[in-house]
Amino acid sequence: MASTGRPEHYDEMVKELGPWLIGGGIVLVIAGFLAWTGTLSWFGNLPGDLRITTGNVRIYIPFTSMLLISVVLNVFLWLFVWLFNR
């Protein structure tokens, strides 16, 4: 059989990528629905999110919001990996 230039384990890698893509798609659909319905209007206005406005300059630094996203994504990914490696 002719070589395709792909590694031998390419097909296995692609099969392992499938659940990750499905999980990511589900998360995006849920986040999109929540944003569309206005459920996420509190996001970005948490204590610790800095807003600095002077004249024509506006600076927004969402420390708390990004920390919250980081924690939620880490927990989600940890659970996802745990479920698929059992």
PDB file of N, CA and C in Angstrom:
ATOM      1  N   MET A   1       0.837  -1.174   0.000  1.00  0.00           N
ATOM      2  CA  MET A   1       0.000   0.000   0.000  1.00  0.00           C
ATOM      3  C   MET A   1       0.888   1.244   0.000  1.00  0.00           C
ATOM      4  N   ALA A   2       0.499   2.253  -0.762  1.00  0.00           N
ATOM      5  CA  ALA A   2       1.304   3.468  -0.894  1.00  0.00           C
ATOM      6  C   ALA A   2       1.219   4.310   0.369  1.00  0.00           C
ATOM      7  N   SER A   3       2.309   4.964   0.659  1.00  0.00           N
ATOM      8  CA  SER A   3       2.359   5.821   1.845  1.00  0.00           C
ATOM      9  C   SER A   3       1.615   7.125   1.568  1.00  0.00           C
ATOM     10  N   THR A   4       0.808   7.559   2.536  1.00  0.00           N
ATOM     11  CA  THR A   4       0.057   8.805   2.385  1.00  0.00           C
ATOM     12  C   THR A   4       0.788   9.985   2.997  1.00  0.00           C
ATOM     13  N   GLY A   5       1.923   9.743   3.630  1.00  0.00           N
ATOM     14  CA  GLY A   5       2.672  10.811   4.267  1.00  0.00           C
ATOM     15  C   GLY A   5       2.162  11.141   5.663  1.00  0.00           C
ATOM     16  N   ARG A   6       1.156  10.392   6.126  1.00  0.00           N
ATOM     17  CA  ARG A   6       0.608  10.618   7.465  1.00  0.00           C
ATOM     18  C   ARG A   6       1.230   9.636   8.437  1.00  0.00           C
ATOM     19  N   PRO A   7       1.303  10.038   9.708  1.00  0.00           N
ATOM     20  CA  PRO A   7       1.811   9.101  10.719  1.00  0.00           C
ATOM     21  C   PRO A   7       0.893   7.884  10.820  1.00  0.00           C
ATOM     22  N   GLU A   8       1.440   6.771  11.296  1.00  0.00           N
ATOM     23  CA  GLU A   8       0.658   5.536  11.399  1.00  0.00           C
ATOM     24  C   GLU A   8      -0.522   5.676  12.348  1.00  0.00           C
ATOM     25  N   HIS A   9      -0.385   6.463  13.380  1.00  0.00           N
ATOM     26  CA  HIS A   9      -1.446   6.606  14.368  1.00  0.00           C
ATOM     27  C   HIS A   9      -2.392   7.770  14.048  1.00  0.00           C
ATOM     28  N   TYR A  10      -2.372   8.281  12.819  1.00  0.00           N
ATOM     29  CA  TYR A  10      -3.195   9.423  12.430  1.00  0.00           C
ATOM     30  C   TYR A  10      -4.690   9.142  12.607  1.00  0.00           C
ATOM     31  N   ASP A  11      -5.143   7.976  12.144  1.00  0.00           N
ATOM     32  CA  ASP A  11      -6.570   7.642  12.235  1.00  0.00           C
ATOM     33  C   ASP A  11      -7.033   7.586  13.688  1.00  0.00           C
ATOM     34  N   GLU A  12      -6.194   7.055  14.572  1.00  0.00           N
ATOM     35  CA  GLU A  12      -6.547   7.013  15.996  1.00  0.00           C
ATOM     36  C   GLU A  12      -6.634   8.422  16.578  1.00  0.00           C
ATOM     37  N   MET A  13      -5.717   9.294  16.161  1.00  0.00           N
ATOM     38  CA  MET A  13      -5.738  10.669  16.658  1.00  0.00           C
ATOM     39  C   MET A  13      -7.018  11.378  16.227  1.00  0.00           C
ATOM     40  N   VAL A  14      -7.437  11.161  14.998  1.00  0.00           N
ATOM     41  CA  VAL A  14      -8.644  11.801  14.491  1.00  0.00           C
ATOM     42  C   VAL A  14      -9.871  11.273  15.233  1.00  0.00           C
ATOM     43  N   LYS A  15      -9.913   9.969  15.510  1.00  0.00           N
ATOM     44  CA  LYS A  15     -11.042   9.396  16.245  1.00  0.00           C
ATOM     45  C   LYS A  15     -11.105   9.941  17.671  1.00  0.00           C
ATOM     46  N   GLU A  16      -9.945  10.189  18.297  1.00  0.00           N
ATOM     47  CA  GLU A  16      -9.927  10.748  19.649  1.00  0.00           C
ATOM     48  C   GLU A  16     -10.331  12.218  19.658  1.00  0.00           C
ATOM     49  N   LEU A  17     -10.166  12.907  18.547  1.00  0.00           N
ATOM     50  CA  LEU A  17     -10.521  14.313  18.453  1.00  0.00           C
ATOM     51  C   LEU A  17     -12.034  14.504  18.372  1.00  0.00           C
ATOM     52  N   GLY A  18     -12.751  13.528  17.870  1.00  0.00           N
ATOM     53  CA  GLY A  18     -14.197  13.628  17.688  1.00  0.00           C
ATOM     54  C   GLY A  18     -14.972  14.018  18.932  1.00  0.00           C
ATOM     55  N   PRO A  19     -14.809  13.307  20.051  1.00  0.00           N
ATOM     56  CA  PRO A  19     -15.544  13.691  21.267  1.00  0.00           C
ATOM     57  C   PRO A  19     -15.212  15.097  21.751  1.00  0.00           C
ATOM     58  N   TRP A  20     -13.950  15.526  21.568  1.00  0.00           N
ATOM     59  CA  TRP A  20     -13.582  16.882  21.975  1.00  0.00           C
ATOM     60  C   TRP A  20     -14.323  17.915  21.134  1.00  0.00           C
ATOM     61  N   LEU A  21     -14.430  17.672  19.845  1.00  0.00           N
ATOM     62  CA  LEU A  21     -15.145  18.601  18.976  1.00  0.00           C
ATOM     63  C   LEU A  21     -16.635  18.638  19.301  1.00  0.00           C
ATOM     64  N   ILE A  22     -17.216  17.486  19.572  1.00  0.00           N
ATOM     65  CA  ILE A  22     -18.634  17.439  19.945  1.00  0.00           C
ATOM     66  C   ILE A  22     -18.856  18.174  21.267  1.00  0.00           C
ATOM     67  N   GLY A  23     -18.009  17.929  22.262  1.00  0.00           N
ATOM     68  CA  GLY A  23     -18.128  18.613  23.549  1.00  0.00           C
ATOM     69  C   GLY A  23     -17.983  20.119  23.405  1.00  0.00           C
ATOM     70  N   GLY A  24     -17.012  20.545  22.623  1.00  0.00           N
ATOM     71  CA  GLY A  24     -16.827  21.977  22.390  1.00  0.00           C
ATOM     72  C   GLY A  24     -18.017  22.600  21.687  1.00  0.00           C
ATOM     73  N   GLY A  25     -18.593  21.879  20.730  1.00  0.00           N
ATOM     74  CA  GLY A  25     -19.786  22.372  20.033  1.00  0.00           C
ATOM     75  C   GLY A  25     -20.975  22.513  20.964  1.00  0.00           C
ATOM     76  N   ILE A  26     -21.144  21.547  21.851  1.00  0.00           N
ATOM     77  CA  ILE A  26     -22.249  21.604  22.813  1.00  0.00           C
ATOM     78  C   ILE A  26     -22.074  22.806  23.739  1.00  0.00           C
ATOM     79  N   VAL A  27     -20.853  23.031  24.201  1.00  0.00           N
ATOM     80  CA  VAL A  27     -20.579  24.176  25.080  1.00  0.00           C
ATOM     81  C   VAL A  27     -20.865  25.488  24.346  1.00  0.00           C
ATOM     82  N   LEU A  28     -20.465  25.593  23.088  1.00  0.00           N
ATOM     83  CA  LEU A  28     -20.722  26.808  22.318  1.00  0.00           C
ATOM     84  C   LEU A  28     -22.213  27.042  22.102  1.00  0.00           C
ATOM     85  N   VAL A  29     -22.961  25.982  21.836  1.00  0.00           N
ATOM     86  CA  VAL A  29     -24.409  26.127  21.648  1.00  0.00           C
ATOM     87  C   VAL A  29     -25.069  26.600  22.939  1.00  0.00           C
ATOM     88  N   ILE A  30     -24.683  26.016  24.065  1.00  0.00           N
ATOM     89  CA  ILE A  30     -25.252  26.418  25.359  1.00  0.00           C
ATOM     90  C   ILE A  30     -24.883  27.864  25.669  1.00  0.00           C
ATOM     91  N   ALA A  31     -23.621  28.244  25.485  1.00  0.00           N
ATOM     92  CA  ALA A  31     -23.190  29.622  25.751  1.00  0.00           C
ATOM     93  C   ALA A  31     -23.904  30.601  24.821  1.00  0.00           C
ATOM     94  N   GLY A  32     -24.076  30.231  23.574  1.00  0.00           N
ATOM     95  CA  GLY A  32     -24.800  31.085  22.631  1.00  0.00           C
ATOM     96  C   GLY A  32     -26.250  31.270  23.026  1.00  0.00           C
ATOM     97  N   PHE A  33     -26.895  30.206  23.454  1.00  0.00           N
ATOM     98  CA  PHE A  33     -28.294  30.296  23.888  1.00  0.00           C
ATOM     99  C   PHE A  33     -28.415  31.187  25.124  1.00  0.00           C
ATOM    100  N   LEU A  34     -27.503  31.019  26.094  1.00  0.00           N
ATOM    101  CA  LEU A  34     -27.544  31.835  27.303  1.00  0.00           C
ATOM    102  C   LEU A  34     -27.310  33.313  26.985  1.00  0.00           C
ATOM    103  N   ALA A  35     -26.381  33.607  26.082  1.00  0.00           N
ATOM    104  CA  ALA A  35     -26.120  34.996  25.700  1.00  0.00           C
ATOM    105  C   ALA A  35     -27.319  35.581  24.948  1.00  0.00           C
ATOM    106  N   TRP A  36     -27.946  34.782  24.105  1.00  0.00           N
ATOM    107  CA  TRP A  36     -29.085  35.235  23.310  1.00  0.00           C
ATOM    108  C   TRP A  36     -30.284  35.576  24.191  1.00  0.00           C
ATOM    109  N   THR A  37     -30.501  34.793  25.234  1.00  0.00           N
ATOM    110  CA  THR A  37     -31.649  35.027  26.114  1.00  0.00           C
ATOM    111  C   THR A  37     -31.368  36.101  27.163  1.00  0.00           C
ATOM    112  N   GLY A  38     -30.135  36.589  27.254  1.00  0.00           N
ATOM    113  CA  GLY A  38     -29.800  37.632  28.216  1.00  0.00           C
ATOM    114  C   GLY A  38     -29.426  37.108  29.586  1.00  0.00           C
ATOM    115  N   THR A  39     -29.306  35.811  29.727  1.00  0.00           N
ATOM    116  CA  THR A  39     -28.958  35.207  31.010  1.00  0.00           C
ATOM    117  C   THR A  39     -27.544  35.584  31.447  1.00  0.00           C
ATOM    118  N   LEU A  40     -26.676  35.909  30.504  1.00  0.00           N
ATOM    119  CA  LEU A  40     -25.289  36.237  30.832  1.00  0.00           C
ATOM    120  C   LEU A  40     -25.044  37.740  30.931  1.00  0.00           C
ATOM    121  N   SER A  41     -26.085  38.538  31.136  1.00  0.00           N
ATOM    122  CA  SER A  41     -25.898  39.991  31.187  1.00  0.00           C
ATOM    123  C   SER A  41     -25.078  40.428  32.398  1.00  0.00           C
ATOM    124  N   TRP A  42     -25.011  39.606  33.427  1.00  0.00           N
ATOM    125  CA  TRP A  42     -24.203  39.903  34.620  1.00  0.00           C
ATOM    126  C   TRP A  42     -22.725  39.739  34.356  1.00  0.00           C
ATOM    127  N   PHE A  43     -22.390  38.959  33.329  1.00  0.00           N
ATOM    128  CA  PHE A  43     -20.987  38.656  33.049  1.00  0.00           C
ATOM    129  C   PHE A  43     -20.278  39.912  32.553  1.00  0.00           C
ATOM    130  N   GLY A  44     -19.145  40.216  33.139  1.00  0.00           N
ATOM    131  CA  GLY A  44     -18.398  41.415  32.783  1.00  0.00           C
ATOM    132  C   GLY A  44     -18.649  42.561  33.742  1.00  0.00           C
ATOM    133  N   ASN A  45     -19.613  42.401  34.634  1.00  0.00           N
ATOM    134  CA  ASN A  45     -19.924  43.423  35.633  1.00  0.00           C
ATOM    135  C   ASN A  45     -19.706  42.897  37.047  1.00  0.00           C
ATOM    136  N   LEU A  46     -18.800  41.966  37.196  1.00  0.00           N
ATOM    137  CA  LEU A  46     -18.529  41.377  38.503  1.00  0.00           C
ATOM    138  C   LEU A  46     -17.601  42.275  39.312  1.00  0.00           C
ATOM    139  N   PRO A  47     -17.648  42.166  40.643  1.00  0.00           N
ATOM    140  CA  PRO A  47     -16.679  42.909  41.451  1.00  0.00           C
ATOM    141  C   PRO A  47     -15.263  42.437  41.096  1.00  0.00           C
ATOM    142  N   GLY A  48     -14.385  43.360  40.870  1.00  0.00           N
ATOM    143  CA  GLY A  48     -13.026  43.007  40.474  1.00  0.00           C
ATOM    144  C   GLY A  48     -12.774  43.232  38.997  1.00  0.00           C
ATOM    145  N   ASP A  49     -13.821  43.438  38.208  1.00  0.00           N
ATOM    146  CA  ASP A  49     -13.664  43.813  36.801  1.00  0.00           C
ATOM    147  C   ASP A  49     -13.428  45.319  36.764  1.00  0.00           C
ATOM    148  N   LEU A  50     -12.262  45.733  36.304  1.00  0.00           N
ATOM    149  CA  LEU A  50     -11.891  47.142  36.350  1.00  0.00           C
ATOM    150  C   LEU A  50     -12.395  47.894  35.129  1.00  0.00           C
ATOM    151  N   ARG A  51     -12.987  49.056  35.383  1.00  0.00           N
ATOM    152  CA  ARG A  51     -13.395  49.978  34.325  1.00  0.00           C
ATOM    153  C   ARG A  51     -12.797  51.330  34.649  1.00  0.00           C
ATOM    154  N   ILE A  52     -11.984  51.842  33.747  1.00  0.00           N
ATOM    155  CA  ILE A  52     -11.353  53.137  33.929  1.00  0.00           C
ATOM    156  C   ILE A  52     -11.781  54.025  32.766  1.00  0.00           C
ATOM    157  N   THR A  53     -12.416  55.148  33.077  1.00  0.00           N
ATOM    158  CA  THR A  53     -12.882  56.063  32.047  1.00  0.00           C
ATOM    159  C   THR A  53     -12.358  57.464  32.357  1.00  0.00           C
ATOM    160  N   THR A  54     -11.606  58.020  31.429  1.00  0.00           N
ATOM    161  CA  THR A  54     -11.121  59.395  31.560  1.00  0.00           C
ATOM    162  C   THR A  54     -11.215  60.052  30.194  1.00  0.00           C
ATOM    163  N   GLY A  55     -12.020  61.076  30.093  1.00  0.00           N
ATOM    164  CA  GLY A  55     -12.164  61.789  28.818  1.00  0.00           C
ATOM    165  C   GLY A  55     -12.632  60.860  27.717  1.00  0.00           C
ATOM    166  N   ASN A  56     -11.805  60.730  26.683  1.00  0.00           N
ATOM    167  CA  ASN A  56     -12.145  59.878  25.541  1.00  0.00           C
ATOM    168  C   ASN A  56     -11.551  58.478  25.650  1.00  0.00           C
ATOM    169  N   VAL A  57     -10.895  58.173  26.763  1.00  0.00           N
ATOM    170  CA  VAL A  57     -10.222  56.889  26.929  1.00  0.00           C
ATOM    171  C   VAL A  57     -11.035  56.005  27.868  1.00  0.00           C
ATOM    172  N   ARG A  58     -11.330  54.801  27.408  1.00  0.00           N
ATOM    173  CA  ARG A  58     -12.005  53.805  28.253  1.00  0.00           C
ATOM    174  C   ARG A  58     -11.160  52.542  28.279  1.00  0.00           C
ATOM    175  N   ILE A  59     -10.878  52.078  29.485  1.00  0.00           N
ATOM    176  CA  ILE A  59     -10.102  50.853  29.656  1.00  0.00           C
ATOM    177  C   ILE A  59     -10.938  49.885  30.479  1.00  0.00           C
ATOM    178  N   TYR A  60     -11.037  48.668  29.989  1.00  0.00           N
ATOM    179  CA  TYR A  60     -11.806  47.640  30.689  1.00  0.00           C
ATOM    180  C   TYR A  60     -10.916  46.424  30.871  1.00  0.00           C
ATOM    181  N   ILE A  61     -10.719  45.994  32.118  1.00  0.00           N
ATOM    182  CA  ILE A  61      -9.889  44.830  32.420  1.00  0.00           C
ATOM    183  C   ILE A  61     -10.729  43.861  33.253  1.00  0.00           C
ATOM    184  N   PRO A  62     -11.237  42.791  32.642  1.00  0.00           N
ATOM    185  CA  PRO A  62     -12.159  41.864  33.335  1.00  0.00           C
ATOM    186  C   PRO A  62     -11.440  40.783  34.143  1.00  0.00           C
ATOM    187  N   PHE A  63     -10.757  41.175  35.225  1.00  0.00           N
ATOM    188  CA  PHE A  63     -10.010  40.211  36.031  1.00  0.00           C
ATOM    189  C   PHE A  63     -10.906  39.090  36.563  1.00  0.00           C
ATOM    190  N   THR A  64     -11.968  39.438  37.253  1.00  0.00           N
ATOM    191  CA  THR A  64     -12.821  38.444  37.899  1.00  0.00           C
ATOM    192  C   THR A  64     -13.541  37.571  36.868  1.00  0.00           C
ATOM    193  N   SER A  65     -14.011  38.177  35.795  1.00  0.00           N
ATOM    194  CA  SER A  65     -14.718  37.404  34.767  1.00  0.00           C
ATOM    195  C   SER A  65     -13.798  36.369  34.129  1.00  0.00           C
ATOM    196  N   MET A  66     -12.563  36.749  33.842  1.00  0.00           N
ATOM    197  CA  MET A  66     -11.620  35.810  33.231  1.00  0.00           C
ATOM    198  C   MET A  66     -11.202  34.722  34.215  1.00  0.00           C
ATOM    199  N   LEU A  67     -11.098  35.068  35.493  1.00  0.00           N
ATOM    200  CA  LEU A  67     -10.796  34.066  36.509  1.00  0.00           C
ATOM    201  C   LEU A  67     -11.936  33.050  36.592  1.00  0.00           C
ATOM    202  N   LEU A  68     -13.169  33.536  36.545  1.00  0.00           N
ATOM    203  CA  LEU A  68     -14.335  32.655  36.573  1.00  0.00           C
ATOM    204  C   LEU A  68     -14.354  31.731  35.353  1.00  0.00           C
ATOM    205  N   ILE A  69     -14.085  32.270  34.183  1.00  0.00           N
ATOM    206  CA  ILE A  69     -14.044  31.449  32.963  1.00  0.00           C
ATOM    207  C   ILE A  69     -12.947  30.396  33.081  1.00  0.00           C
ATOM    208  N   SER A  70     -11.789  30.779  33.589  1.00  0.00           N
ATOM    209  CA  SER A  70     -10.680  29.840  33.741  1.00  0.00           C
ATOM    210  C   SER A  70     -11.054  28.684  34.658  1.00  0.00           C
ATOM    211  N   VAL A  71     -11.671  28.989  35.792  1.00  0.00           N
ATOM    212  CA  VAL A  71     -12.061  27.930  36.737  1.00  0.00           C
ATOM    213  C   VAL A  71     -13.107  27.012  36.111  1.00  0.00           C
ATOM    214  N   VAL A  72     -14.115  27.589  35.469  1.00  0.00           N
ATOM    215  CA  VAL A  72     -15.185  26.785  34.868  1.00  0.00           C
ATOM    216  C   VAL A  72     -14.627  25.895  33.753  1.00  0.00           C
ATOM    217  N   LEU A  73     -13.779  26.441  32.890  1.00  0.00           N
ATOM    218  CA  LEU A  73     -13.212  25.631  31.807  1.00  0.00           C
ATOM    219  C   LEU A  73     -12.291  24.538  32.336  1.00  0.00           C
ATOM    220  N   ASN A  74     -11.521  24.847  33.366  1.00  0.00           N
ATOM    221  CA  ASN A  74     -10.659  23.814  33.949  1.00  0.00           C
ATOM    222  C   ASN A  74     -11.467  22.675  34.540  1.00  0.00           C
ATOM    223  N   VAL A  75     -12.537  22.986  35.247  1.00  0.00           N
ATOM    224  CA  VAL A  75     -13.389  21.940  35.819  1.00  0.00           C
ATOM    225  C   VAL A  75     -14.045  21.134  34.709  1.00  0.00           C
ATOM    226  N   PHE A  76     -14.555  21.823  33.685  1.00  0.00           N
ATOM    227  CA  PHE A  76     -15.200  21.138  32.556  1.00  0.00           C
ATOM    228  C   PHE A  76     -14.219  20.203  31.842  1.00  0.00           C
ATOM    229  N   LEU A  77     -13.025  20.696  31.539  1.00  0.00           N
ATOM    230  CA  LEU A  77     -12.047  19.864  30.837  1.00  0.00           C
ATOM    231  C   LEU A  77     -11.575  18.702  31.700  1.00  0.00           C
ATOM    232  N   TRP A  78     -11.412  18.941  32.996  1.00  0.00           N
ATOM    233  CA  TRP A  78     -11.012  17.864  33.890  1.00  0.00           C
ATOM    234  C   TRP A  78     -12.071  16.764  33.893  1.00  0.00           C
ATOM    235  N   LEU A  79     -13.349  17.138  34.002  1.00  0.00           N
ATOM    236  CA  LEU A  79     -14.430  16.156  33.981  1.00  0.00           C
ATOM    237  C   LEU A  79     -14.500  15.428  32.646  1.00  0.00           C
ATOM    238  N   PHE A  80     -14.318  16.182  31.554  1.00  0.00           N
ATOM    239  CA  PHE A  80     -14.368  15.601  30.210  1.00  0.00           C
ATOM    240  C   PHE A  80     -13.282  14.557  30.039  1.00  0.00           C
ATOM    241  N   VAL A  81     -12.046  14.892  30.450  1.00  0.00           N
ATOM    242  CA  VAL A  81     -10.934  13.938  30.340  1.00  0.00           C
ATOM    243  C   VAL A  81     -11.173  12.757  31.250  1.00  0.00           C
ATOM    244  N   TRP A  82     -11.653  13.007  32.449  1.00  0.00           N
ATOM    245  CA  TRP A  82     -11.928  11.922  33.393  1.00  0.00           C
ATOM    246  C   TRP A  82     -12.971  10.949  32.856  1.00  0.00           C
ATOM    247  N   LEU A  83     -14.022  11.483  32.234  1.00  0.00           N
ATOM    248  CA  LEU A  83     -15.074  10.623  31.705  1.00  0.00           C
ATOM    249  C   LEU A  83     -14.592   9.751  30.555  1.00  0.00           C
ATOM    250  N   PHE A  84     -13.743  10.307  29.685  1.00  0.00           N
ATOM    251  CA  PHE A  84     -13.304   9.566  28.500  1.00  0.00           C
ATOM    252  C   PHE A  84     -12.089   8.694  28.769  1.00  0.00           C
ATOM    253  N   ASN A  85     -11.484   8.778  29.949  1.00  0.00           N
ATOM    254  CA  ASN A  85     -10.336   7.940  30.264  1.00  0.00           C
ATOM    255  C   ASN A  85     -10.646   6.890  31.320  1.00  0.00           C
ATOM    256  N   ARG A  86     -11.905   6.662  31.592  1.00  0.00           N
ATOM    257  CA  ARG A  86     -12.285   5.656  32.587  1.00  0.00           C
ATOM    258  C   ARG A  86     -12.178   4.279  32.021  1.00  0.00           C
TER     259      ARG A  86
END
